[in-house]
Amino acid sequence: MEFTSDDARAHYDAVRDVLAGVVVGLDFDGTLSPVVDDPESARLHPGAPGALLELAEAVRAVAVITGRPARQAIAMGDLDALGNAMLDRGAELFVFGHYGNERWSATDQRIRSPRPPAGLATFERELPSVLRTAGAADAFIEEKGLAVAVHTRRMDDPAAAFERLVKPLTVLAERHHLSVEPGRNVIEVRSGEMHKGQAVRAFVAEQEATGVVFGGDDLGDVEAFEAVRALRADGLPGLVVCSASHERPDLVELADVVVDGPAGVVDLLSRLVRA
């Protein structure tokens, strides 16, 4: 665990001092789960369930805030069982899927979701042709219901394929009034009406939190990082945690604490509880 500045250590201490009323938001891939070549094989870091259960005894609520569909994140992380165990420890577990468009809680156990964005179906029909033209026909397409993700991680040269695809996919998305979210060898296309920053703000307000922690590792987490920093500027104790990646040094610049991937996130959560 590495603090990025003296102020960062002060932010950590401020959150720790009001921990009982703090809400914690965490990304799934790269933060709670190691990044893997096959997105469907992602699972929680082995230490994450135990750390989250300990955390439940110390904070007000915990949320997994992810670009994945809520149902998928719940299944991959066994979050329904974990949520029930956390309720017994005194804290609620929420899942905000599709960047906050979907919502689930351990108490409600129902996924509340809007309709898919207009234009997404047409985008999907036209996508294979764009991939072939860009020399990326072998890219893996992940259909998420409210979004489509194009993964290049399995390809021979993931970085080169990613660079070839960003512009044509952006053009195609804009034609259908959709937004593009580049990530770590993945380009996601979705409605631009919701993002993780809005999810964090709503989570804080609903829980009447006395502080907030958010941990993430990719560009889709930038709005959440900025939301925590803005709330902190308004007087709410807040801590931004970067699950470090050499692929995303720009996120490190926004963070207060940098940790070594999901294992580092687990260690940080345990430190907060012990403190």
C-alpha atoms as a PDB file:
ATOM      1  CA  MET A   1       0.000   0.000   0.000  1.00  0.00           C
ATOM      2  CA  GLU A   2       1.485   3.323  -1.079  1.00  0.00           C
ATOM      3  CA  PHE A   3       0.193   6.799  -0.285  1.00  0.00           C
ATOM      4  CA  THR A   4       0.580   9.218  -3.164  1.00  0.00           C
ATOM      5  CA  SER A   5       1.043  12.300  -0.928  1.00  0.00           C
ATOM      6  CA  ASP A   6       0.988  13.570   2.653  1.00  0.00           C
ATOM      7  CA  ASP A   7      -2.569  14.738   2.057  1.00  0.00           C
ATOM      8  CA  ALA A   8      -3.463  11.210   0.993  1.00  0.00           C
ATOM      9  CA  ARG A   9      -2.459   9.854   4.388  1.00  0.00           C
ATOM     10  CA  ALA A  10      -4.662  12.506   5.992  1.00  0.00           C
ATOM     11  CA  HIS A  11      -7.599  11.405   3.818  1.00  0.00           C
ATOM     12  CA  TYR A  12      -7.054   7.808   4.920  1.00  0.00           C
ATOM     13  CA  ASP A  13      -7.054   8.843   8.573  1.00  0.00           C
ATOM     14  CA  ALA A  14     -10.195  10.977   8.099  1.00  0.00           C
ATOM     15  CA  VAL A  15     -12.098   8.026   6.632  1.00  0.00           C
ATOM     16  CA  ARG A  16     -10.875   5.710   9.350  1.00  0.00           C
ATOM     17  CA  ASP A  17     -12.100   8.130  12.043  1.00  0.00           C
ATOM     18  CA  VAL A  18     -15.727   7.916  10.772  1.00  0.00           C
ATOM     19  CA  LEU A  19     -15.604   4.313   9.537  1.00  0.00           C
ATOM     20  CA  ALA A  20     -18.923   3.217  11.043  1.00  0.00           C
ATOM     21  CA  GLY A  21     -20.790   5.532   8.674  1.00  0.00           C
ATOM     22  CA  VAL A  22     -18.586   5.003   5.617  1.00  0.00           C
ATOM     23  CA  VAL A  23     -19.751   3.403   2.364  1.00  0.00           C
ATOM     24  CA  VAL A  24     -17.272   1.456   0.252  1.00  0.00           C
ATOM     25  CA  GLY A  25     -17.601   1.082  -3.518  1.00  0.00           C
ATOM     26  CA  LEU A  26     -15.414  -1.370  -5.432  1.00  0.00           C
ATOM     27  CA  ASP A  27     -15.013  -2.256  -9.073  1.00  0.00           C
ATOM     28  CA  PHE A  28     -15.120  -5.975  -9.948  1.00  0.00           C
ATOM     29  CA  ASP A  29     -12.539  -6.762 -12.660  1.00  0.00           C
ATOM     30  CA  GLY A  30      -9.015  -5.782 -11.715  1.00  0.00           C
ATOM     31  CA  THR A  31     -10.084  -4.678  -8.239  1.00  0.00           C
ATOM     32  CA  LEU A  32     -11.900  -7.551  -6.556  1.00  0.00           C
ATOM     33  CA  SER A  33     -11.107 -10.051  -9.300  1.00  0.00           C
ATOM     34  CA  PRO A  34      -7.832 -10.498 -11.206  1.00  0.00           C
ATOM     35  CA  VAL A  35      -8.019  -9.546 -14.888  1.00  0.00           C
ATOM     36  CA  VAL A  36      -8.105 -12.705 -17.051  1.00  0.00           C
ATOM     37  CA  ASP A  37      -8.036 -13.353 -20.784  1.00  0.00           C
ATOM     38  CA  ASP A  38     -11.517 -14.904 -20.723  1.00  0.00           C
ATOM     39  CA  PRO A  39     -13.900 -12.378 -19.091  1.00  0.00           C
ATOM     40  CA  GLU A  40     -16.376 -15.160 -18.349  1.00  0.00           C
ATOM     41  CA  SER A  41     -13.862 -16.965 -16.122  1.00  0.00           C
ATOM     42  CA  ALA A  42     -13.275 -14.045 -13.735  1.00  0.00           C
ATOM     43  CA  ARG A  43     -13.707 -14.843 -10.042  1.00  0.00           C
ATOM     44  CA  LEU A  44     -13.157 -12.963  -6.785  1.00  0.00           C
ATOM     45  CA  HIS A  45      -9.670 -12.949  -5.335  1.00  0.00           C
ATOM     46  CA  PRO A  46      -9.579 -15.784  -2.740  1.00  0.00           C
ATOM     47  CA  GLY A  47      -9.140 -13.288   0.084  1.00  0.00           C
ATOM     48  CA  ALA A  48     -11.940 -10.960  -1.003  1.00  0.00           C
ATOM     49  CA  PRO A  49     -14.964 -12.691   0.611  1.00  0.00           C
ATOM     50  CA  GLY A  50     -13.298 -12.803   4.023  1.00  0.00           C
ATOM     51  CA  ALA A  51     -12.128  -9.206   3.784  1.00  0.00           C
ATOM     52  CA  LEU A  52     -15.593  -8.033   2.767  1.00  0.00           C
ATOM     53  CA  LEU A  53     -17.195  -9.928   5.645  1.00  0.00           C
ATOM     54  CA  GLU A  54     -14.803  -8.261   8.093  1.00  0.00           C
ATOM     55  CA  LEU A  55     -15.505  -4.923   6.467  1.00  0.00           C
ATOM     56  CA  ALA A  56     -19.249  -5.423   6.951  1.00  0.00           C
ATOM     57  CA  GLU A  57     -18.763  -5.249  10.693  1.00  0.00           C
ATOM     58  CA  ALA A  58     -17.049  -1.865  10.480  1.00  0.00           C
ATOM     59  CA  VAL A  59     -18.846   0.182   7.768  1.00  0.00           C
ATOM     60  CA  ARG A  60     -22.371   1.178   6.805  1.00  0.00           C
ATOM     61  CA  ALA A  61     -22.636  -0.488   3.387  1.00  0.00           C
ATOM     62  CA  VAL A  62     -20.575  -1.968   0.557  1.00  0.00           C
ATOM     63  CA  ALA A  63     -21.262  -1.840  -3.178  1.00  0.00           C
ATOM     64  CA  VAL A  64     -19.747  -3.598  -6.160  1.00  0.00           C
ATOM     65  CA  ILE A  65     -19.935  -0.977  -8.925  1.00  0.00           C
ATOM     66  CA  THR A  66     -19.118  -2.625 -12.229  1.00  0.00           C
ATOM     67  CA  GLY A  67     -19.506  -2.373 -15.965  1.00  0.00           C
ATOM     68  CA  ARG A  68     -20.613  -6.002 -16.005  1.00  0.00           C
ATOM     69  CA  PRO A  69     -24.290  -6.925 -15.922  1.00  0.00           C
ATOM     70  CA  ALA A  70     -25.373  -7.225 -12.299  1.00  0.00           C
ATOM     71  CA  ARG A  71     -26.531 -10.821 -12.757  1.00  0.00           C
ATOM     72  CA  GLN A  72     -23.129 -11.822 -14.128  1.00  0.00           C
ATOM     73  CA  ALA A  73     -21.183 -10.150 -11.317  1.00  0.00           C
ATOM     74  CA  ILE A  74     -23.437 -11.746  -8.694  1.00  0.00           C
ATOM     75  CA  ALA A  75     -22.907 -15.217 -10.189  1.00  0.00           C
ATOM     76  CA  MET A  76     -19.143 -14.861 -10.666  1.00  0.00           C
ATOM     77  CA  GLY A  77     -18.597 -13.491  -7.177  1.00  0.00           C
ATOM     78  CA  ASP A  78     -21.240 -15.625  -5.421  1.00  0.00           C
ATOM     79  CA  LEU A  79     -22.424 -12.256  -4.153  1.00  0.00           C
ATOM     80  CA  ASP A  80     -25.913 -13.364  -3.170  1.00  0.00           C
ATOM     81  CA  ALA A  81     -24.508 -15.717  -0.522  1.00  0.00           C
ATOM     82  CA  LEU A  82     -21.886 -13.159   0.469  1.00  0.00           C
ATOM     83  CA  GLY A  83     -24.571 -10.482   0.761  1.00  0.00           C
ATOM     84  CA  ASN A  84     -26.647 -12.624   3.117  1.00  0.00           C
ATOM     85  CA  ALA A  85     -23.583 -13.249   5.272  1.00  0.00           C
ATOM     86  CA  MET A  86     -22.819  -9.529   5.318  1.00  0.00           C
ATOM     87  CA  LEU A  87     -26.362  -8.743   6.458  1.00  0.00           C
ATOM     88  CA  ASP A  88     -25.712 -10.971   9.438  1.00  0.00           C
ATOM     89  CA  ARG A  89     -22.619  -8.860  10.165  1.00  0.00           C
ATOM     90  CA  GLY A  90     -24.582  -5.614  10.085  1.00  0.00           C
ATOM     91  CA  ALA A  91     -23.983  -4.172   6.594  1.00  0.00           C
ATOM     92  CA  GLU A  92     -25.859  -4.251   3.306  1.00  0.00           C
ATOM     93  CA  LEU A  93     -24.230  -5.383   0.044  1.00  0.00           C
ATOM     94  CA  PHE A  94     -25.284  -3.680  -3.181  1.00  0.00           C
ATOM     95  CA  VAL A  95     -24.396  -4.415  -6.792  1.00  0.00           C
ATOM     96  CA  PHE A  96     -24.616  -1.605  -9.322  1.00  0.00           C
ATOM     97  CA  GLY A  97     -24.276  -3.249 -12.734  1.00  0.00           C
ATOM     98  CA  HIS A  98     -23.753  -1.634 -16.136  1.00  0.00           C
ATOM     99  CA  TYR A  99     -22.048   1.380 -14.503  1.00  0.00           C
ATOM    100  CA  GLY A 100     -25.068   1.952 -12.256  1.00  0.00           C
ATOM    101  CA  ASN A 101     -27.886   1.317 -14.719  1.00  0.00           C
ATOM    102  CA  GLU A 102     -28.740  -1.915 -12.880  1.00  0.00           C
ATOM    103  CA  ARG A 103     -29.260  -2.271  -9.153  1.00  0.00           C
ATOM    104  CA  TRP A 104     -29.397  -5.246  -6.756  1.00  0.00           C
ATOM    105  CA  SER A 105     -29.170  -5.525  -2.995  1.00  0.00           C
ATOM    106  CA  ALA A 106     -28.873  -8.394  -0.546  1.00  0.00           C
ATOM    107  CA  THR A 107     -32.130  -7.278   1.058  1.00  0.00           C
ATOM    108  CA  ASP A 108     -34.140  -6.894  -2.148  1.00  0.00           C
ATOM    109  CA  GLN A 109     -32.592  -9.769  -4.160  1.00  0.00           C
ATOM    110  CA  ARG A 110     -34.109  -8.401  -7.376  1.00  0.00           C
ATOM    111  CA  ILE A 111     -32.230  -6.796 -10.250  1.00  0.00           C
ATOM    112  CA  ARG A 112     -33.810  -3.548 -11.340  1.00  0.00           C
ATOM    113  CA  SER A 113     -32.828  -2.669 -14.887  1.00  0.00           C
ATOM    114  CA  PRO A 114     -33.882  -0.246 -17.640  1.00  0.00           C
ATOM    115  CA  ARG A 115     -34.491  -1.211 -21.259  1.00  0.00           C
ATOM    116  CA  PRO A 116     -31.467  -1.521 -23.592  1.00  0.00           C
ATOM    117  CA  PRO A 117     -30.457   1.804 -25.166  1.00  0.00           C
ATOM    118  CA  ALA A 118     -31.904   2.698 -28.540  1.00  0.00           C
ATOM    119  CA  GLY A 119     -29.523   1.860 -31.360  1.00  0.00           C
ATOM    120  CA  LEU A 120     -27.681  -0.946 -29.572  1.00  0.00           C
ATOM    121  CA  ALA A 121     -29.285  -3.731 -31.604  1.00  0.00           C
ATOM    122  CA  THR A 122     -28.382  -2.030 -34.889  1.00  0.00           C
ATOM    123  CA  PHE A 123     -24.858  -1.429 -33.621  1.00  0.00           C
ATOM    124  CA  GLU A 124     -24.486  -5.152 -32.908  1.00  0.00           C
ATOM    125  CA  ARG A 125     -25.672  -6.099 -36.400  1.00  0.00           C
ATOM    126  CA  GLU A 126     -23.126  -3.776 -38.019  1.00  0.00           C
ATOM    127  CA  LEU A 127     -20.254  -4.648 -35.663  1.00  0.00           C
ATOM    128  CA  PRO A 128     -18.877  -7.784 -37.432  1.00  0.00           C
ATOM    129  CA  SER A 129     -18.383  -5.851 -40.671  1.00  0.00           C
ATOM    130  CA  VAL A 130     -16.445  -3.104 -38.850  1.00  0.00           C
ATOM    131  CA  LEU A 131     -14.254  -5.699 -37.118  1.00  0.00           C
ATOM    132  CA  ARG A 132     -13.412  -7.400 -40.425  1.00  0.00           C
ATOM    133  CA  THR A 133     -12.524  -4.070 -42.058  1.00  0.00           C
ATOM    134  CA  ALA A 134     -10.209  -3.246 -39.136  1.00  0.00           C
ATOM    135  CA  GLY A 135      -8.466  -6.615 -39.376  1.00  0.00           C
ATOM    136  CA  ALA A 136      -9.892  -7.675 -36.011  1.00  0.00           C
ATOM    137  CA  ALA A 137     -12.489 -10.261 -36.947  1.00  0.00           C
ATOM    138  CA  ASP A 138     -11.157 -12.530 -34.184  1.00  0.00           C
ATOM    139  CA  ALA A 139     -11.905 -10.049 -31.419  1.00  0.00           C
ATOM    140  CA  PHE A 140     -14.156 -11.492 -28.729  1.00  0.00           C
ATOM    141  CA  ILE A 141     -17.595  -9.859 -28.568  1.00  0.00           C
ATOM    142  CA  GLU A 142     -19.284  -9.883 -25.169  1.00  0.00           C
ATOM    143  CA  GLU A 143     -22.987  -9.078 -25.228  1.00  0.00           C
ATOM    144  CA  LYS A 144     -24.035  -7.522 -21.913  1.00  0.00           C
ATOM    145  CA  GLY A 145     -27.685  -6.727 -22.510  1.00  0.00           C
ATOM    146  CA  LEU A 146     -27.322  -2.980 -21.961  1.00  0.00           C
ATOM    147  CA  ALA A 147     -23.897  -2.815 -23.614  1.00  0.00           C
ATOM    148  CA  VAL A 148     -21.490  -4.580 -25.956  1.00  0.00           C
ATOM    149  CA  ALA A 149     -17.804  -5.104 -25.162  1.00  0.00           C
ATOM    150  CA  VAL A 150     -15.145  -5.893 -27.773  1.00  0.00           C
ATOM    151  CA  HIS A 151     -12.125  -7.626 -26.214  1.00  0.00           C
ATOM    152  CA  THR A 152      -8.714  -7.813 -27.894  1.00  0.00           C
ATOM    153  CA  ARG A 153      -6.848  -9.500 -25.002  1.00  0.00           C
ATOM    154  CA  ARG A 154      -6.997 -12.959 -26.656  1.00  0.00           C
ATOM    155  CA  MET A 155      -5.565 -11.744 -29.977  1.00  0.00           C
ATOM    156  CA  ASP A 156      -1.955 -12.147 -31.117  1.00  0.00           C
ATOM    157  CA  ASP A 157      -1.217  -8.437 -30.660  1.00  0.00           C
ATOM    158  CA  PRO A 158      -3.901  -7.109 -28.278  1.00  0.00           C
ATOM    159  CA  ALA A 159      -2.556  -3.547 -28.094  1.00  0.00           C
ATOM    160  CA  ALA A 160      -2.306  -3.106 -31.860  1.00  0.00           C
ATOM    161  CA  ALA A 161      -5.792  -4.516 -32.426  1.00  0.00           C
ATOM    162  CA  PHE A 162      -7.145  -2.225 -29.713  1.00  0.00           C
ATOM    163  CA  GLU A 163      -5.625   0.839 -31.407  1.00  0.00           C
ATOM    164  CA  ARG A 164      -7.054  -0.172 -34.794  1.00  0.00           C
ATOM    165  CA  LEU A 165     -10.536  -0.548 -33.341  1.00  0.00           C
ATOM    166  CA  VAL A 166     -10.954   2.559 -31.187  1.00  0.00           C
ATOM    167  CA  LYS A 167     -11.686   4.989 -34.021  1.00  0.00           C
ATOM    168  CA  PRO A 168     -14.050   2.853 -36.177  1.00  0.00           C
ATOM    169  CA  LEU A 169     -16.008   1.660 -33.138  1.00  0.00           C
ATOM    170  CA  THR A 170     -16.319   5.233 -31.911  1.00  0.00           C
ATOM    171  CA  VAL A 171     -17.660   6.319 -35.299  1.00  0.00           C
ATOM    172  CA  LEU A 172     -20.150   3.447 -35.364  1.00  0.00           C
ATOM    173  CA  ALA A 173     -21.255   4.120 -31.776  1.00  0.00           C
ATOM    174  CA  GLU A 174     -21.778   7.831 -32.385  1.00  0.00           C
ATOM    175  CA  ARG A 175     -23.881   7.030 -35.443  1.00  0.00           C
ATOM    176  CA  HIS A 176     -26.284   5.204 -33.116  1.00  0.00           C
ATOM    177  CA  HIS A 177     -26.067   7.759 -30.271  1.00  0.00           C
ATOM    178  CA  LEU A 178     -24.073   5.460 -28.011  1.00  0.00           C
ATOM    179  CA  SER A 179     -20.956   6.154 -25.940  1.00  0.00           C
ATOM    180  CA  VAL A 180     -17.584   4.398 -26.018  1.00  0.00           C
ATOM    181  CA  GLU A 181     -15.689   3.341 -22.885  1.00  0.00           C
ATOM    182  CA  PRO A 182     -12.119   2.167 -23.663  1.00  0.00           C
ATOM    183  CA  GLY A 183     -10.501  -0.062 -21.057  1.00  0.00           C
ATOM    184  CA  ARG A 184      -7.648  -2.543 -20.667  1.00  0.00           C
ATOM    185  CA  ASN A 185      -7.712  -4.238 -24.094  1.00  0.00           C
ATOM    186  CA  VAL A 186     -11.480  -3.815 -24.215  1.00  0.00           C
ATOM    187  CA  ILE A 187     -13.775  -1.267 -25.837  1.00  0.00           C
ATOM    188  CA  GLU A 188     -17.283  -1.080 -24.421  1.00  0.00           C
ATOM    189  CA  VAL A 189     -20.213   0.579 -26.155  1.00  0.00           C
ATOM    190  CA  ARG A 190     -23.256   1.588 -24.125  1.00  0.00           C
ATOM    191  CA  SER A 191     -25.690   4.342 -23.300  1.00  0.00           C
ATOM    192  CA  GLY A 192     -23.886   7.412 -22.011  1.00  0.00           C
ATOM    193  CA  GLU A 193     -26.627   8.448 -19.596  1.00  0.00           C
ATOM    194  CA  MET A 194     -25.146   6.726 -16.543  1.00  0.00           C
ATOM    195  CA  HIS A 195     -21.632   6.292 -15.173  1.00  0.00           C
ATOM    196  CA  LYS A 196     -19.935   5.123 -11.982  1.00  0.00           C
ATOM    197  CA  GLY A 197     -19.589   8.647 -10.636  1.00  0.00           C
ATOM    198  CA  GLN A 198     -23.354   9.051 -10.554  1.00  0.00           C
ATOM    199  CA  ALA A 199     -23.665   5.644  -8.915  1.00  0.00           C
ATOM    200  CA  VAL A 200     -21.212   6.666  -6.181  1.00  0.00           C
ATOM    201  CA  ARG A 201     -23.040   9.931  -5.509  1.00  0.00           C
ATOM    202  CA  ALA A 202     -26.410   8.152  -5.305  1.00  0.00           C
ATOM    203  CA  PHE A 203     -24.951   5.488  -2.997  1.00  0.00           C
ATOM    204  CA  VAL A 204     -23.532   8.111  -0.635  1.00  0.00           C
ATOM    205  CA  ALA A 205     -26.773  10.089  -0.559  1.00  0.00           C
ATOM    206  CA  GLU A 206     -29.076   7.088  -0.033  1.00  0.00           C
ATOM    207  CA  GLN A 207     -26.957   5.763   2.824  1.00  0.00           C
ATOM    208  CA  GLU A 208     -26.462   9.211   4.383  1.00  0.00           C
ATOM    209  CA  ALA A 209     -22.800   8.259   4.564  1.00  0.00           C
ATOM    210  CA  THR A 210     -20.254   9.995   6.778  1.00  0.00           C
ATOM    211  CA  GLY A 211     -17.464   9.058   4.373  1.00  0.00           C
ATOM    212  CA  VAL A 212     -16.757   7.182   1.153  1.00  0.00           C
ATOM    213  CA  VAL A 213     -14.085   4.881  -0.253  1.00  0.00           C
ATOM    214  CA  PHE A 214     -13.904   3.828  -3.887  1.00  0.00           C
ATOM    215  CA  GLY A 215     -11.449   1.411  -5.478  1.00  0.00           C
ATOM    216  CA  GLY A 216     -10.983   0.829  -9.198  1.00  0.00           C
ATOM    217  CA  ASP A 217      -8.399   0.098 -11.859  1.00  0.00           C
ATOM    218  CA  ASP A 218      -9.559   1.281 -15.292  1.00  0.00           C
ATOM    219  CA  LEU A 219     -10.874   4.228 -17.311  1.00  0.00           C
ATOM    220  CA  GLY A 220     -14.467   3.291 -16.484  1.00  0.00           C
ATOM    221  CA  ASP A 221     -13.637   4.177 -12.869  1.00  0.00           C
ATOM    222  CA  VAL A 222     -12.440   7.723 -13.556  1.00  0.00           C
ATOM    223  CA  GLU A 223     -15.867   9.306 -12.963  1.00  0.00           C
ATOM    224  CA  ALA A 224     -16.110   7.476  -9.621  1.00  0.00           C
ATOM    225  CA  PHE A 225     -12.640   8.718  -8.626  1.00  0.00           C
ATOM    226  CA  GLU A 226     -13.671  12.247  -9.529  1.00  0.00           C
ATOM    227  CA  ALA A 227     -16.971  11.908  -7.638  1.00  0.00           C
ATOM    228  CA  VAL A 228     -15.130  10.961  -4.439  1.00  0.00           C
ATOM    229  CA  ARG A 229     -12.735  13.875  -4.852  1.00  0.00           C
ATOM    230  CA  ALA A 230     -15.637  16.276  -5.442  1.00  0.00           C
ATOM    231  CA  LEU A 231     -17.529  14.999  -2.391  1.00  0.00           C
ATOM    232  CA  ARG A 232     -14.357  15.409  -0.367  1.00  0.00           C
ATOM    233  CA  ALA A 233     -14.016  18.994  -1.553  1.00  0.00           C
ATOM    234  CA  ASP A 234     -17.515  19.540  -0.164  1.00  0.00           C
ATOM    235  CA  GLY A 235     -16.404  18.287   3.251  1.00  0.00           C
ATOM    236  CA  LEU A 236     -17.117  14.534   3.169  1.00  0.00           C
ATOM    237  CA  PRO A 237     -14.138  12.338   4.115  1.00  0.00           C
ATOM    238  CA  GLY A 238     -13.172  10.292   1.070  1.00  0.00           C
ATOM    239  CA  LEU A 239     -10.459   7.948  -0.132  1.00  0.00           C
ATOM    240  CA  VAL A 240      -9.610   7.023  -3.736  1.00  0.00           C
ATOM    241  CA  VAL A 241      -7.875   3.665  -4.161  1.00  0.00           C
ATOM    242  CA  CYS A 242      -6.166   2.592  -7.378  1.00  0.00           C
ATOM    243  CA  SER A 243      -5.699  -1.127  -7.932  1.00  0.00           C
ATOM    244  CA  ALA A 244      -2.499  -0.389  -9.825  1.00  0.00           C
ATOM    245  CA  SER A 245      -1.929  -1.200 -13.461  1.00  0.00           C
ATOM    246  CA  HIS A 246       1.014  -0.125 -15.578  1.00  0.00           C
ATOM    247  CA  GLU A 247      -1.527   0.129 -18.402  1.00  0.00           C
ATOM    248  CA  ARG A 248      -3.335   2.991 -16.644  1.00  0.00           C
ATOM    249  CA  PRO A 249      -0.819   5.399 -15.012  1.00  0.00           C
ATOM    250  CA  ASP A 250      -3.377   8.209 -15.444  1.00  0.00           C
ATOM    251  CA  LEU A 251      -5.537   6.622 -12.737  1.00  0.00           C
ATOM    252  CA  VAL A 252      -2.639   6.584 -10.296  1.00  0.00           C
ATOM    253  CA  GLU A 253      -2.474  10.363 -10.567  1.00  0.00           C
ATOM    254  CA  LEU A 254      -6.078  10.625  -9.314  1.00  0.00           C
ATOM    255  CA  ALA A 255      -5.629   8.210  -6.412  1.00  0.00           C
ATOM    256  CA  ASP A 256      -4.752   8.675  -2.753  1.00  0.00           C
ATOM    257  CA  VAL A 257      -3.607   5.094  -2.266  1.00  0.00           C
ATOM    258  CA  VAL A 258      -2.055   2.727  -4.795  1.00  0.00           C
ATOM    259  CA  VAL A 259      -2.191  -1.002  -4.102  1.00  0.00           C
ATOM    260  CA  ASP A 260      -0.907  -4.048  -5.955  1.00  0.00           C
ATOM    261  CA  GLY A 261      -4.019  -5.352  -7.696  1.00  0.00           C
ATOM    262  CA  PRO A 262      -6.813  -7.339  -6.011  1.00  0.00           C
ATOM    263  CA  ALA A 263      -4.441  -8.759  -3.395  1.00  0.00           C
ATOM    264  CA  GLY A 264      -3.543  -5.206  -2.427  1.00  0.00           C
ATOM    265  CA  VAL A 265      -7.211  -4.220  -2.279  1.00  0.00           C
ATOM    266  CA  VAL A 266      -7.907  -7.111   0.089  1.00  0.00           C
ATOM    267  CA  ASP A 267      -4.990  -6.017   2.276  1.00  0.00           C
ATOM    268  CA  LEU A 268      -6.198  -2.405   2.337  1.00  0.00           C
ATOM    269  CA  LEU A 269      -9.718  -3.415   3.390  1.00  0.00           C
ATOM    270  CA  SER A 270      -8.281  -5.542   6.177  1.00  0.00           C
ATOM    271  CA  ARG A 271      -6.074  -2.648   7.332  1.00  0.00           C
ATOM    272  CA  LEU A 272      -9.079  -0.332   7.511  1.00  0.00           C
ATOM    273  CA  VAL A 273     -10.950  -2.801   9.706  1.00  0.00           C
ATOM    274  CA  ARG A 274      -7.968  -3.385  11.997  1.00  0.00           C
ATOM    275  CA  ALA A 275      -7.432   0.337  12.334  1.00  0.00           C
END
